[in-house]
Amino acid sequence: MGDGDGDDCQVVTVLLDPEEELNTEPGSMMFMSPSIETDVECGCLDGCVRRCAGEPCVKVALKNGGGDAAYVGLTPNFPAKVVPIELSNMKNFVAKSGAIMSSLGDVNISTSCDMNPATCCCTSLGMCRQSLDGEGTAFLAAGGTILVKELKEGETLIVDSESVVGFQDTIGFGITPNQFCTCCFGGEGMCNATMEGPGTVVVQSMSFKKYIKNVAPPPNAYKMRERMGVGYMGSTEFDFD
């Protein structure tokens, strides 16, 4: 299994042994060996679980049907880096909705429901998240610069909730309210997320939602273009004859 190649919009190359299978989301395959066989899995129950976890209702299975090792190149469906999570080292892991790109080996993906009204309503993670357990490797998609931090017992990290990618289920996840001026003018919203160790935390500097917000045109951009199309003097027509 290879690490993510490239500084941004990364590609991860996975080497599959004969009969070994890789599961990924639709559209993430970039290149593969000729011996790779593709199939689509769409069970009713599994599809509903994936939809609740923010994933497509179907998943693509890539299996090495040849007698030799073969490779598959995968890339996220948005500008992002690939973060491998070795579940054999941390067992259960909770990821934000839609963060999982692919999985290799024994990886069970299910939903994790947050019943705490404070963390459910006041963070960007919402009520339904993705729960990962097993002995395999999960590949997460995250944007910008990625920070993987090991928190010690009792160590606390305060994070912009939009930047949270996932965390080990031993982490105590909570919120801390911002002061009034910070809430209104600091760009951080009402609350930040608190993460108390022990356990592993993965955060990102530029989530896809934040990226779209920053590059999207202003709401009145279309009307401004219409005004510019008829000139700054209203509906004045120019005759060049």
Protein backbone atom coordinates (compact mmCIF):
# COMPACT_ATOMS: atom_id res chain seq x y z
CA MET A 1 0.00 0.00 0.00
CA GLY A 2 1.42 3.38 -0.95
CA ASP A 3 1.09 6.76 0.71
CA GLY A 4 -0.71 9.68 -0.93
CA ASP A 5 1.33 11.10 -3.82
CA GLY A 6 1.38 14.82 -4.57
CA ASP A 7 1.24 17.92 -2.40
CA ASP A 8 -2.48 18.43 -2.89
CA CYS A 9 -5.35 16.65 -4.66
CA GLN A 10 -3.48 13.50 -3.74
CA VAL A 11 -3.53 10.05 -5.32
CA VAL A 12 -3.05 6.92 -3.22
CA THR A 13 -1.76 3.77 -4.93
CA VAL A 14 -2.84 0.49 -3.35
CA LEU A 15 -1.13 -2.82 -4.18
CA LEU A 16 -3.61 -5.71 -4.12
CA ASP A 17 -2.61 -9.36 -3.74
CA PRO A 18 -4.43 -11.98 -5.85
CA GLU A 19 -8.12 -12.17 -4.82
CA GLU A 20 -7.71 -9.18 -2.50
CA GLU A 21 -10.53 -6.63 -2.66
CA LEU A 22 -10.76 -2.89 -2.09
CA ASN A 23 -13.96 -0.94 -1.50
CA THR A 24 -14.24 2.70 -2.57
CA GLU A 25 -16.78 5.40 -3.28
CA PRO A 26 -18.00 5.90 -6.88
CA GLY A 27 -15.77 8.06 -9.05
CA SER A 28 -12.58 7.72 -6.98
CA MET A 29 -10.76 5.22 -9.25
CA MET A 30 -8.06 6.99 -11.30
CA PHE A 31 -6.07 4.07 -12.79
CA MET A 32 -5.68 0.34 -12.27
CA SER A 33 -4.00 -2.81 -13.58
CA PRO A 34 -5.79 -4.84 -16.31
CA SER A 35 -6.40 -7.73 -13.88
CA ILE A 36 -8.58 -5.61 -11.59
CA GLU A 37 -12.25 -6.60 -11.68
CA THR A 38 -14.87 -3.98 -10.83
CA ASP A 39 -18.29 -4.51 -9.32
CA VAL A 40 -20.93 -2.39 -7.61
CA GLU A 41 -22.52 -3.37 -4.29
CA CYS A 42 -25.88 -1.91 -3.33
CA GLY A 43 -27.68 -3.74 -0.55
CA CYS A 44 -30.85 -2.14 0.77
CA LEU A 45 -29.81 -2.13 4.44
CA ASP A 46 -26.15 -1.33 3.78
CA GLY A 47 -27.17 1.41 1.34
CA CYS A 48 -29.40 3.06 3.95
CA VAL A 49 -26.60 2.91 6.52
CA ARG A 50 -24.17 4.51 4.09
CA ARG A 51 -26.63 7.28 3.23
CA CYS A 52 -27.11 8.06 6.92
CA ALA A 53 -23.33 8.26 7.27
CA GLY A 54 -23.06 10.74 4.39
CA GLU A 55 -21.83 8.26 1.77
CA PRO A 56 -23.35 7.21 -1.59
CA CYS A 57 -25.83 4.34 -1.27
CA VAL A 58 -23.60 2.19 -3.50
CA LYS A 59 -19.92 1.29 -3.22
CA VAL A 60 -17.48 0.09 -5.83
CA ALA A 61 -15.59 -3.16 -5.22
CA LEU A 62 -12.19 -3.49 -6.94
CA LYS A 63 -10.83 -7.04 -6.84
CA ASN A 64 -7.56 -8.42 -8.15
CA GLY A 65 -8.66 -11.35 -10.32
CA GLY A 66 -5.17 -12.14 -11.63
CA GLY A 67 -2.41 -14.37 -10.36
CA ASP A 68 0.04 -11.57 -9.59
CA ALA A 69 -0.06 -8.44 -7.46
CA ALA A 70 -1.90 -5.53 -9.10
CA TYR A 71 -2.35 -1.87 -8.29
CA VAL A 72 -5.18 0.64 -8.07
CA GLY A 73 -4.84 4.43 -7.99
CA LEU A 74 -7.52 6.29 -6.04
CA THR A 75 -8.22 9.99 -5.64
CA PRO A 76 -10.89 11.92 -3.68
CA ASN A 77 -13.87 13.41 -5.51
CA PHE A 78 -12.93 16.92 -4.38
CA PRO A 79 -9.59 18.74 -3.89
CA ALA A 80 -8.22 16.88 -0.90
CA LYS A 81 -5.48 14.84 0.67
CA VAL A 82 -5.75 11.15 1.56
CA VAL A 83 -5.39 10.20 5.23
CA PRO A 84 -4.86 6.47 6.00
CA ILE A 85 -6.30 5.22 9.29
CA GLU A 86 -4.90 1.92 10.56
CA LEU A 87 -7.76 0.51 12.61
CA SER A 88 -5.58 -2.29 13.98
CA ASN A 89 -3.73 0.39 15.96
CA MET A 90 -6.71 2.33 17.27
CA LYS A 91 -9.74 0.00 16.92
CA ASN A 92 -12.84 2.20 16.81
CA PHE A 93 -12.69 5.54 15.00
CA VAL A 94 -15.38 8.20 14.47
CA ALA A 95 -15.25 10.30 11.27
CA LYS A 96 -17.36 13.23 10.13
CA SER A 97 -20.15 12.49 7.67
CA GLY A 98 -18.84 11.86 4.15
CA ALA A 99 -15.14 11.70 5.13
CA ILE A 100 -14.46 8.09 4.11
CA MET A 101 -13.12 7.54 0.60
CA SER A 102 -12.06 3.87 0.57
CA SER A 103 -11.33 0.88 2.78
CA LEU A 104 -9.01 -2.10 2.52
CA GLY A 105 -9.25 -5.31 4.52
CA ASP A 106 -11.50 -5.89 7.51
CA VAL A 107 -13.24 -2.52 7.88
CA ASN A 108 -16.80 -2.24 9.15
CA ILE A 109 -18.44 1.11 8.34
CA SER A 110 -21.57 2.02 10.27
CA THR A 111 -23.21 5.10 11.74
CA SER A 112 -22.47 6.76 15.05
CA CYS A 113 -25.37 8.84 16.36
CA ASP A 114 -24.69 11.72 18.74
CA MET A 115 -27.58 12.10 21.17
CA ASN A 116 -26.02 15.04 23.02
CA PRO A 117 -28.02 18.14 21.96
CA ALA A 118 -25.03 20.42 22.63
CA THR A 119 -22.49 18.68 20.40
CA CYS A 120 -25.15 17.60 17.89
CA CYS A 121 -26.56 21.08 17.26
CA CYS A 122 -23.58 23.35 18.00
CA THR A 123 -20.85 21.66 15.93
CA SER A 124 -20.60 21.00 12.21
CA LEU A 125 -20.49 17.23 12.77
CA GLY A 126 -24.25 16.97 13.24
CA MET A 127 -26.07 13.97 14.67
CA CYS A 128 -24.96 11.16 12.30
CA ARG A 129 -21.27 10.39 11.89
CA GLN A 130 -19.30 7.48 10.51
CA SER A 131 -18.08 4.74 12.81
CA LEU A 132 -15.13 2.56 11.76
CA ASP A 133 -13.93 -0.62 13.38
CA GLY A 134 -12.02 -3.72 12.34
CA GLU A 135 -8.43 -4.61 11.54
CA GLY A 136 -8.03 -3.04 8.07
CA THR A 137 -7.20 0.40 6.70
CA ALA A 138 -9.65 3.21 5.99
CA PHE A 139 -8.74 6.12 3.71
CA LEU A 140 -10.23 9.49 4.63
CA ALA A 141 -10.42 12.57 2.38
CA ALA A 142 -9.53 15.89 3.99
CA GLY A 143 -8.55 19.31 2.64
CA GLY A 144 -5.65 21.67 3.18
CA THR A 145 -2.97 20.81 5.72
CA ILE A 146 -3.66 17.69 7.79
CA LEU A 147 -2.74 17.41 11.47
CA VAL A 148 -2.75 14.02 13.20
CA LYS A 149 -2.27 14.53 16.93
CA GLU A 150 -1.96 12.01 19.75
CA LEU A 151 -3.57 13.43 22.88
CA LYS A 152 -2.38 12.17 26.24
CA GLU A 153 -4.64 11.36 29.17
CA GLY A 154 -6.38 14.58 30.21
CA GLU A 155 -4.83 16.64 27.39
CA THR A 156 -7.41 18.91 25.71
CA LEU A 157 -7.40 20.44 22.24
CA ILE A 158 -9.81 23.19 21.19
CA VAL A 159 -10.64 22.97 17.47
CA ASP A 160 -12.85 24.83 15.02
CA SER A 161 -15.57 22.21 14.58
CA GLU A 162 -15.49 22.67 10.79
CA SER A 163 -11.86 21.47 10.86
CA VAL A 164 -12.55 18.15 12.61
CA VAL A 165 -12.06 15.12 10.33
CA GLY A 166 -12.31 12.34 12.91
CA PHE A 167 -11.14 11.03 16.24
CA GLN A 168 -10.61 7.81 18.16
CA ASP A 169 -13.66 6.87 20.19
CA THR A 170 -11.65 7.18 23.42
CA ILE A 171 -11.63 10.95 22.87
CA GLY A 172 -14.02 12.98 24.96
CA PHE A 173 -15.84 15.22 22.46
CA GLY A 174 -17.51 18.39 23.71
CA ILE A 175 -17.98 22.09 23.05
CA THR A 176 -16.83 25.38 24.53
CA PRO A 177 -18.87 28.56 23.90
CA ASN A 178 -17.20 31.66 22.50
CA GLN A 179 -17.51 35.12 23.96
CA PHE A 180 -20.16 37.39 22.46
CA CYS A 181 -17.76 39.53 20.40
CA THR A 182 -15.86 36.48 19.17
CA CYS A 183 -19.14 34.81 18.24
CA CYS A 184 -20.35 37.80 16.22
CA PHE A 185 -17.12 39.11 14.70
CA GLY A 186 -14.44 36.43 15.13
CA GLY A 187 -15.62 34.13 12.35
CA GLU A 188 -15.69 31.09 14.66
CA GLY A 189 -19.41 30.91 15.36
CA MET A 190 -21.03 30.29 18.72
CA CYS A 191 -18.93 27.31 19.80
CA ASN A 192 -15.67 25.50 19.22
CA ALA A 193 -15.16 21.78 19.69
CA THR A 194 -13.15 20.40 22.59
CA MET A 195 -11.31 17.07 22.34
CA GLU A 196 -9.92 15.49 25.48
CA GLY A 197 -7.46 12.59 25.40
CA PRO A 198 -6.34 9.94 25.40
CA GLY A 199 -6.59 9.12 21.69
CA THR A 200 -5.88 10.18 18.11
CA VAL A 201 -7.35 13.30 16.53
CA VAL A 202 -7.32 14.21 12.81
CA VAL A 203 -8.01 17.83 11.81
CA GLN A 204 -7.87 19.72 8.51
CA SER A 205 -7.13 23.34 7.66
CA MET A 206 -9.56 23.63 4.72
CA SER A 207 -12.73 21.54 4.68
CA PHE A 208 -14.58 21.23 1.37
CA LYS A 209 -17.51 23.20 2.78
CA LYS A 210 -15.15 26.01 3.81
CA TYR A 211 -13.41 25.87 0.42
CA ILE A 212 -16.72 26.27 -1.47
CA LYS A 213 -17.72 29.15 0.81
CA ASN A 214 -14.47 31.00 0.07
CA VAL A 215 -14.42 30.52 -3.72
CA ALA A 216 -18.16 30.89 -4.39
CA PRO A 217 -19.22 34.19 -6.00
CA PRO A 218 -21.17 36.62 -3.80
CA PRO A 219 -24.97 36.22 -3.83
CA ASN A 220 -25.49 39.36 -5.91
CA ALA A 221 -22.76 38.56 -8.46
CA TYR A 222 -25.24 37.70 -11.23
CA LYS A 223 -27.13 40.96 -10.83
CA MET A 224 -23.85 42.86 -10.86
CA ARG A 225 -22.88 41.20 -14.15
CA GLU A 226 -26.26 42.09 -15.61
CA ARG A 227 -25.72 45.71 -14.68
CA MET A 228 -22.23 45.66 -16.15
CA GLY A 229 -23.60 44.10 -19.33
CA VAL A 230 -25.74 47.19 -20.05
CA GLY A 231 -23.08 49.62 -18.90
CA TYR A 232 -22.88 51.81 -15.85
CA MET A 233 -25.32 54.31 -17.38
CA GLY A 234 -28.37 52.10 -17.08
CA SER A 235 -29.88 50.91 -20.36
CA THR A 236 -27.88 53.28 -22.56
CA GLU A 237 -27.28 51.84 -26.01
CA PHE A 238 -24.10 52.60 -27.93
CA ASP A 239 -24.16 53.02 -31.70
CA PHE A 240 -20.79 52.39 -33.38
CA ASP A 241 -21.96 53.02 -36.99
